[in-house]
Amino acid sequence: MKIYAGDVPQGTKIYVDGVEISRVFYVDTKKGLVRRYRDGLTLDRWRKRVLSESLRGRIIIEFPED
């Protein structure tokens, strides 16, 4: 299941191998892939894009209870 940042309600928690991950903008549970912005919001050397990183592992998504 592919999930993008705007597709989930506020308060959703995403775990990779049991560790909670913040600043996530893309999740693919089938491939075990998470894309997230780095902590501190680092820019590239031309200061045009925010740098991101990919994490792989077992993905758990917890949706907030209503």
PDB file of N, CA and C in Angstrom:
ATOM      1  N   MET A   1       0.834  -1.158   0.000  1.00  0.00           N
ATOM      2  CA  MET A   1       0.000   0.000   0.000  1.00  0.00           C
ATOM      3  C   MET A   1       0.892   1.238   0.000  1.00  0.00           C
ATOM      4  N   LYS A   2       0.646   2.122  -0.937  1.00  0.00           N
ATOM      5  CA  LYS A   2       1.405   3.365  -1.024  1.00  0.00           C
ATOM      6  C   LYS A   2       0.617   4.476  -0.338  1.00  0.00           C
ATOM      7  N   ILE A   3       1.303   5.255   0.476  1.00  0.00           N
ATOM      8  CA  ILE A   3       0.669   6.351   1.197  1.00  0.00           C
ATOM      9  C   ILE A   3       1.533   7.591   1.031  1.00  0.00           C
ATOM     10  N   TYR A   4       0.889   8.708   0.686  1.00  0.00           N
ATOM     11  CA  TYR A   4       1.584   9.984   0.573  1.00  0.00           C
ATOM     12  C   TYR A   4       1.193  10.871   1.750  1.00  0.00           C
ATOM     13  N   ALA A   5       1.919  11.946   1.967  1.00  0.00           N
ATOM     14  CA  ALA A   5       1.750  12.803   3.138  1.00  0.00           C
ATOM     15  C   ALA A   5       0.333  13.341   3.287  1.00  0.00           C
ATOM     16  N   GLY A   6      -0.335  13.727   2.240  1.00  0.00           N
ATOM     17  CA  GLY A   6      -1.663  14.300   2.336  1.00  0.00           C
ATOM     18  C   GLY A   6      -2.786  13.283   2.441  1.00  0.00           C
ATOM     19  N   ASP A   7      -2.473  11.990   2.376  1.00  0.00           N
ATOM     20  CA  ASP A   7      -3.498  10.951   2.355  1.00  0.00           C
ATOM     21  C   ASP A   7      -3.883  10.403   3.725  1.00  0.00           C
ATOM     22  N   VAL A   8      -3.211  10.807   4.779  1.00  0.00           N
ATOM     23  CA  VAL A   8      -3.470  10.241   6.106  1.00  0.00           C
ATOM     24  C   VAL A   8      -3.919  11.325   7.079  1.00  0.00           C
ATOM     25  N   PRO A   9      -4.711  10.964   8.083  1.00  0.00           N
ATOM     26  CA  PRO A   9      -5.129  11.959   9.066  1.00  0.00           C
ATOM     27  C   PRO A   9      -3.974  12.375   9.978  1.00  0.00           C
ATOM     28  N   GLN A  10      -4.129  13.542  10.588  1.00  0.00           N
ATOM     29  CA  GLN A  10      -3.117  14.050  11.522  1.00  0.00           C
ATOM     30  C   GLN A  10      -3.012  13.102  12.711  1.00  0.00           C
ATOM     31  N   GLY A  11      -1.815  12.835  13.161  1.00  0.00           N
ATOM     32  CA  GLY A  11      -1.603  11.957  14.308  1.00  0.00           C
ATOM     33  C   GLY A  11      -1.260  10.526  13.943  1.00  0.00           C
ATOM     34  N   THR A  12      -1.133  10.226  12.662  1.00  0.00           N
ATOM     35  CA  THR A  12      -0.752   8.885  12.236  1.00  0.00           C
ATOM     36  C   THR A  12       0.710   8.640  12.591  1.00  0.00           C
ATOM     37  N   LYS A  13       0.995   7.467  13.154  1.00  0.00           N
ATOM     38  CA  LYS A  13       2.375   7.120  13.534  1.00  0.00           C
ATOM     39  C   LYS A  13       2.894   6.047  12.596  1.00  0.00           C
ATOM     40  N   ILE A  14       4.155   6.203  12.180  1.00  0.00           N
ATOM     41  CA  ILE A  14       4.791   5.252  11.277  1.00  0.00           C
ATOM     42  C   ILE A  14       6.043   4.721  11.945  1.00  0.00           C
ATOM     43  N   TYR A  15       6.162   3.388  11.965  1.00  0.00           N
ATOM     44  CA  TYR A  15       7.301   2.722  12.584  1.00  0.00           C
ATOM     45  C   TYR A  15       8.066   1.930  11.536  1.00  0.00           C
ATOM     46  N   VAL A  16       9.397   1.993  11.595  1.00  0.00           N
ATOM     47  CA  VAL A  16      10.264   1.169  10.752  1.00  0.00           C
ATOM     48  C   VAL A  16      11.110   0.329  11.698  1.00  0.00           C
ATOM     49  N   ASP A  17      10.929  -0.976  11.639  1.00  0.00           N
ATOM     50  CA  ASP A  17      11.611  -1.922  12.533  1.00  0.00           C
ATOM     51  C   ASP A  17      11.433  -1.539  13.998  1.00  0.00           C
ATOM     52  N   GLY A  18      10.236  -1.075  14.367  1.00  0.00           N
ATOM     53  CA  GLY A  18       9.913  -0.761  15.749  1.00  0.00           C
ATOM     54  C   GLY A  18      10.312   0.622  16.222  1.00  0.00           C
ATOM     55  N   VAL A  19      10.916   1.432  15.370  1.00  0.00           N
ATOM     56  CA  VAL A  19      11.347   2.786  15.739  1.00  0.00           C
ATOM     57  C   VAL A  19      10.415   3.788  15.062  1.00  0.00           C
ATOM     58  N   GLU A  20       9.837   4.702  15.859  1.00  0.00           N
ATOM     59  CA  GLU A  20       8.927   5.695  15.293  1.00  0.00           C
ATOM     60  C   GLU A  20       9.695   6.701  14.444  1.00  0.00           C
ATOM     61  N   ILE A  21       9.173   6.991  13.262  1.00  0.00           N
ATOM     62  CA  ILE A  21       9.824   7.886  12.313  1.00  0.00           C
ATOM     63  C   ILE A  21       8.955   9.127  12.129  1.00  0.00           C
ATOM     64  N   SER A  22       9.579  10.301  12.127  1.00  0.00           N
ATOM     65  CA  SER A  22       8.853  11.550  11.916  1.00  0.00           C
ATOM     66  C   SER A  22       9.237  12.149  10.562  1.00  0.00           C
ATOM     67  N   ARG A  23       8.505  13.164  10.137  1.00  0.00           N
ATOM     68  CA  ARG A  23       8.733  13.894   8.890  1.00  0.00           C
ATOM     69  C   ARG A  23       8.647  13.011   7.650  1.00  0.00           C
ATOM     70  N   VAL A  24       7.738  12.060   7.670  1.00  0.00           N
ATOM     71  CA  VAL A  24       7.562  11.113   6.565  1.00  0.00           C
ATOM     72  C   VAL A  24       6.651  11.733   5.509  1.00  0.00           C
ATOM     73  N   PHE A  25       7.029  11.599   4.228  1.00  0.00           N
ATOM     74  CA  PHE A  25       6.166  12.083   3.161  1.00  0.00           C
ATOM     75  C   PHE A  25       5.773  10.991   2.174  1.00  0.00           C
ATOM     76  N   TYR A  26       6.329   9.777   2.296  1.00  0.00           N
ATOM     77  CA  TYR A  26       5.967   8.676   1.400  1.00  0.00           C
ATOM     78  C   TYR A  26       6.231   7.352   2.104  1.00  0.00           C
ATOM     79  N   VAL A  27       5.267   6.429   1.999  1.00  0.00           N
ATOM     80  CA  VAL A  27       5.418   5.091   2.580  1.00  0.00           C
ATOM     81  C   VAL A  27       4.937   4.072   1.560  1.00  0.00           C
ATOM     82  N   ASP A  28       5.711   3.015   1.366  1.00  0.00           N
ATOM     83  CA  ASP A  28       5.287   1.885   0.545  1.00  0.00           C
ATOM     84  C   ASP A  28       5.483   0.626   1.390  1.00  0.00           C
ATOM     85  N   THR A  29       4.377   0.106   1.930  1.00  0.00           N
ATOM     86  CA  THR A  29       4.471  -1.043   2.828  1.00  0.00           C
ATOM     87  C   THR A  29       4.830  -2.328   2.089  1.00  0.00           C
ATOM     88  N   LYS A  30       4.454  -2.428   0.826  1.00  0.00           N
ATOM     89  CA  LYS A  30       4.761  -3.634   0.056  1.00  0.00           C
ATOM     90  C   LYS A  30       6.271  -3.779  -0.159  1.00  0.00           C
ATOM     91  N   LYS A  31       6.953  -2.674  -0.470  1.00  0.00           N
ATOM     92  CA  LYS A  31       8.400  -2.695  -0.683  1.00  0.00           C
ATOM     93  C   LYS A  31       9.184  -2.496   0.609  1.00  0.00           C
ATOM     94  N   GLY A  32       8.505  -2.063   1.687  1.00  0.00           N
ATOM     95  CA  GLY A  32       9.193  -1.789   2.944  1.00  0.00           C
ATOM     96  C   GLY A  32      10.025  -0.529   2.864  1.00  0.00           C
ATOM     97  N   LEU A  33       9.485   0.515   2.220  1.00  0.00           N
ATOM     98  CA  LEU A  33      10.237   1.737   1.957  1.00  0.00           C
ATOM     99  C   LEU A  33       9.549   2.940   2.593  1.00  0.00           C
ATOM    100  N   VAL A  34      10.343   3.776   3.243  1.00  0.00           N
ATOM    101  CA  VAL A  34       9.860   5.040   3.810  1.00  0.00           C
ATOM    102  C   VAL A  34      10.778   6.143   3.323  1.00  0.00           C
ATOM    103  N   ARG A  35      10.171   7.236   2.824  1.00  0.00           N
ATOM    104  CA  ARG A  35      10.945   8.430   2.451  1.00  0.00           C
ATOM    105  C   ARG A  35      10.602   9.510   3.458  1.00  0.00           C
ATOM    106  N   ARG A  36      11.625  10.168   3.998  1.00  0.00           N
ATOM    107  CA  ARG A  36      11.391  11.216   4.982  1.00  0.00           C
ATOM    108  C   ARG A  36      12.397  12.325   4.827  1.00  0.00           C
ATOM    109  N   TYR A  37      12.012  13.499   5.317  1.00  0.00           N
ATOM    110  CA  TYR A  37      12.939  14.619   5.327  1.00  0.00           C
ATOM    111  C   TYR A  37      13.906  14.446   6.481  1.00  0.00           C
ATOM    112  N   ARG A  38      15.137  14.851   6.305  1.00  0.00           N
ATOM    113  CA  ARG A  38      16.136  14.758   7.363  1.00  0.00           C
ATOM    114  C   ARG A  38      15.792  15.693   8.514  1.00  0.00           C
ATOM    115  N   ASP A  39      16.239  15.329   9.700  1.00  0.00           N
ATOM    116  CA  ASP A  39      16.028  16.197  10.857  1.00  0.00           C
ATOM    117  C   ASP A  39      16.864  17.457  10.695  1.00  0.00           C
ATOM    118  N   GLY A  40      16.270  18.582  11.005  1.00  0.00           N
ATOM    119  CA  GLY A  40      16.953  19.854  10.823  1.00  0.00           C
ATOM    120  C   GLY A  40      16.669  20.478   9.473  1.00  0.00           C
ATOM    121  N   LEU A  41      15.912  19.794   8.620  1.00  0.00           N
ATOM    122  CA  LEU A  41      15.573  20.280   7.276  1.00  0.00           C
ATOM    123  C   LEU A  41      16.778  20.860   6.543  1.00  0.00           C
ATOM    124  N   THR A  42      17.682  19.996   6.145  1.00  0.00           N
ATOM    125  CA  THR A  42      18.891  20.359   5.426  1.00  0.00           C
ATOM    126  C   THR A  42      18.570  20.652   3.966  1.00  0.00           C
ATOM    127  N   LEU A  43      19.138  21.718   3.444  1.00  0.00           N
ATOM    128  CA  LEU A  43      18.961  22.079   2.036  1.00  0.00           C
ATOM    129  C   LEU A  43      20.140  21.580   1.210  1.00  0.00           C
ATOM    130  N   ASP A  44      19.908  21.425  -0.109  1.00  0.00           N
ATOM    131  CA  ASP A  44      21.016  21.064  -0.981  1.00  0.00           C
ATOM    132  C   ASP A  44      21.957  22.266  -1.136  1.00  0.00           C
ATOM    133  N   ARG A  45      23.044  22.061  -1.820  1.00  0.00           N
ATOM    134  CA  ARG A  45      24.059  23.121  -1.864  1.00  0.00           C
ATOM    135  C   ARG A  45      23.622  24.351  -2.648  1.00  0.00           C
ATOM    136  N   TRP A  46      22.583  24.213  -3.482  1.00  0.00           N
ATOM    137  CA  TRP A  46      22.062  25.365  -4.213  1.00  0.00           C
ATOM    138  C   TRP A  46      20.880  26.013  -3.483  1.00  0.00           C
ATOM    139  N   ARG A  47      20.505  25.435  -2.355  1.00  0.00           N
ATOM    140  CA  ARG A  47      19.406  25.919  -1.510  1.00  0.00           C
ATOM    141  C   ARG A  47      18.077  25.993  -2.250  1.00  0.00           C
ATOM    142  N   LYS A  48      17.829  24.954  -3.059  1.00  0.00           N
ATOM    143  CA  LYS A  48      16.573  24.888  -3.803  1.00  0.00           C
ATOM    144  C   LYS A  48      15.666  23.757  -3.327  1.00  0.00           C
ATOM    145  N   ARG A  49      16.247  22.674  -2.783  1.00  0.00           N
ATOM    146  CA  ARG A  49      15.466  21.510  -2.374  1.00  0.00           C
ATOM    147  C   ARG A  49      15.823  21.093  -0.954  1.00  0.00           C
ATOM    148  N   VAL A  50      14.840  20.523  -0.286  1.00  0.00           N
ATOM    149  CA  VAL A  50      15.080  19.950   1.043  1.00  0.00           C
ATOM    150  C   VAL A  50      15.569  18.522   0.840  1.00  0.00           C
ATOM    151  N   LEU A  51      16.638  18.144   1.511  1.00  0.00           N
ATOM    152  CA  LEU A  51      17.198  16.805   1.360  1.00  0.00           C
ATOM    153  C   LEU A  51      16.346  15.789   2.105  1.00  0.00           C
ATOM    154  N   SER A  52      16.245  14.604   1.532  1.00  0.00           N
ATOM    155  CA  SER A  52      15.471  13.528   2.142  1.00  0.00           C
ATOM    156  C   SER A  52      16.316  12.262   2.167  1.00  0.00           C
ATOM    157  N   GLU A  53      15.805  11.266   2.894  1.00  0.00           N
ATOM    158  CA  GLU A  53      16.509   9.991   2.968  1.00  0.00           C
ATOM    159  C   GLU A  53      15.494   8.860   2.893  1.00  0.00           C
ATOM    160  N   SER A  54      15.959   7.700   2.477  1.00  0.00           N
ATOM    161  CA  SER A  54      15.111   6.512   2.375  1.00  0.00           C
ATOM    162  C   SER A  54      15.492   5.537   3.476  1.00  0.00           C
ATOM    163  N   LEU A  55      14.480   4.942   4.084  1.00  0.00           N
ATOM    164  CA  LEU A  55      14.695   3.910   5.090  1.00  0.00           C
ATOM    165  C   LEU A  55      13.972   2.659   4.635  1.00  0.00           C
ATOM    166  N   ARG A  56      14.576   1.503   4.894  1.00  0.00           N
ATOM    167  CA  ARG A  56      13.962   0.233   4.521  1.00  0.00           C
ATOM    168  C   ARG A  56      13.819  -0.636   5.756  1.00  0.00           C
ATOM    169  N   GLY A  57      12.763  -1.426   5.758  1.00  0.00           N
ATOM    170  CA  GLY A  57      12.528  -2.338   6.866  1.00  0.00           C
ATOM    171  C   GLY A  57      11.065  -2.714   6.949  1.00  0.00           C
ATOM    172  N   ARG A  58      10.697  -3.291   8.086  1.00  0.00           N
ATOM    173  CA  ARG A  58       9.303  -3.683   8.319  1.00  0.00           C
ATOM    174  C   ARG A  58       8.523  -2.452   8.753  1.00  0.00           C
ATOM    175  N   ILE A  59       7.463  -2.135   8.030  1.00  0.00           N
ATOM    176  CA  ILE A  59       6.701  -0.911   8.239  1.00  0.00           C
ATOM    177  C   ILE A  59       5.399  -1.222   8.984  1.00  0.00           C
ATOM    178  N   ILE A  60       5.138  -0.433  10.037  1.00  0.00           N
ATOM    179  CA  ILE A  60       3.880  -0.515  10.767  1.00  0.00           C
ATOM    180  C   ILE A  60       3.278   0.885  10.760  1.00  0.00           C
ATOM    181  N   ILE A  61       2.001   0.986  10.383  1.00  0.00           N
ATOM    182  CA  ILE A  61       1.309   2.259  10.363  1.00  0.00           C
ATOM    183  C   ILE A  61       0.175   2.200  11.377  1.00  0.00           C
ATOM    184  N   GLU A  62       0.157   3.146  12.322  1.00  0.00           N
ATOM    185  CA  GLU A  62      -0.910   3.240  13.320  1.00  0.00           C
ATOM    186  C   GLU A  62      -1.729   4.492  13.029  1.00  0.00           C
ATOM    187  N   PHE A  63      -2.985   4.279  12.668  1.00  0.00           N
ATOM    188  CA  PHE A  63      -3.886   5.398  12.424  1.00  0.00           C
ATOM    189  C   PHE A  63      -4.496   5.846  13.751  1.00  0.00           C
ATOM    190  N   PRO A  64      -4.766   7.138  13.925  1.00  0.00           N
ATOM    191  CA  PRO A  64      -5.344   7.618  15.190  1.00  0.00           C
ATOM    192  C   PRO A  64      -6.783   7.121  15.346  1.00  0.00           C
ATOM    193  N   GLU A  65      -7.160   6.911  16.605  1.00  0.00           N
ATOM    194  CA  GLU A  65      -8.531   6.506  16.894  1.00  0.00           C
ATOM    195  C   GLU A  65      -9.422   7.719  16.954  1.00  0.00           C
ATOM    196  N   ASP A  66     -10.620   7.601  16.430  1.00  0.00           N
ATOM    197  CA  ASP A  66     -11.541   8.753  16.421  1.00  0.00           C
ATOM    198  C   ASP A  66     -12.173   8.958  17.773  1.00  0.00           C
TER     199      ASP A  66
END
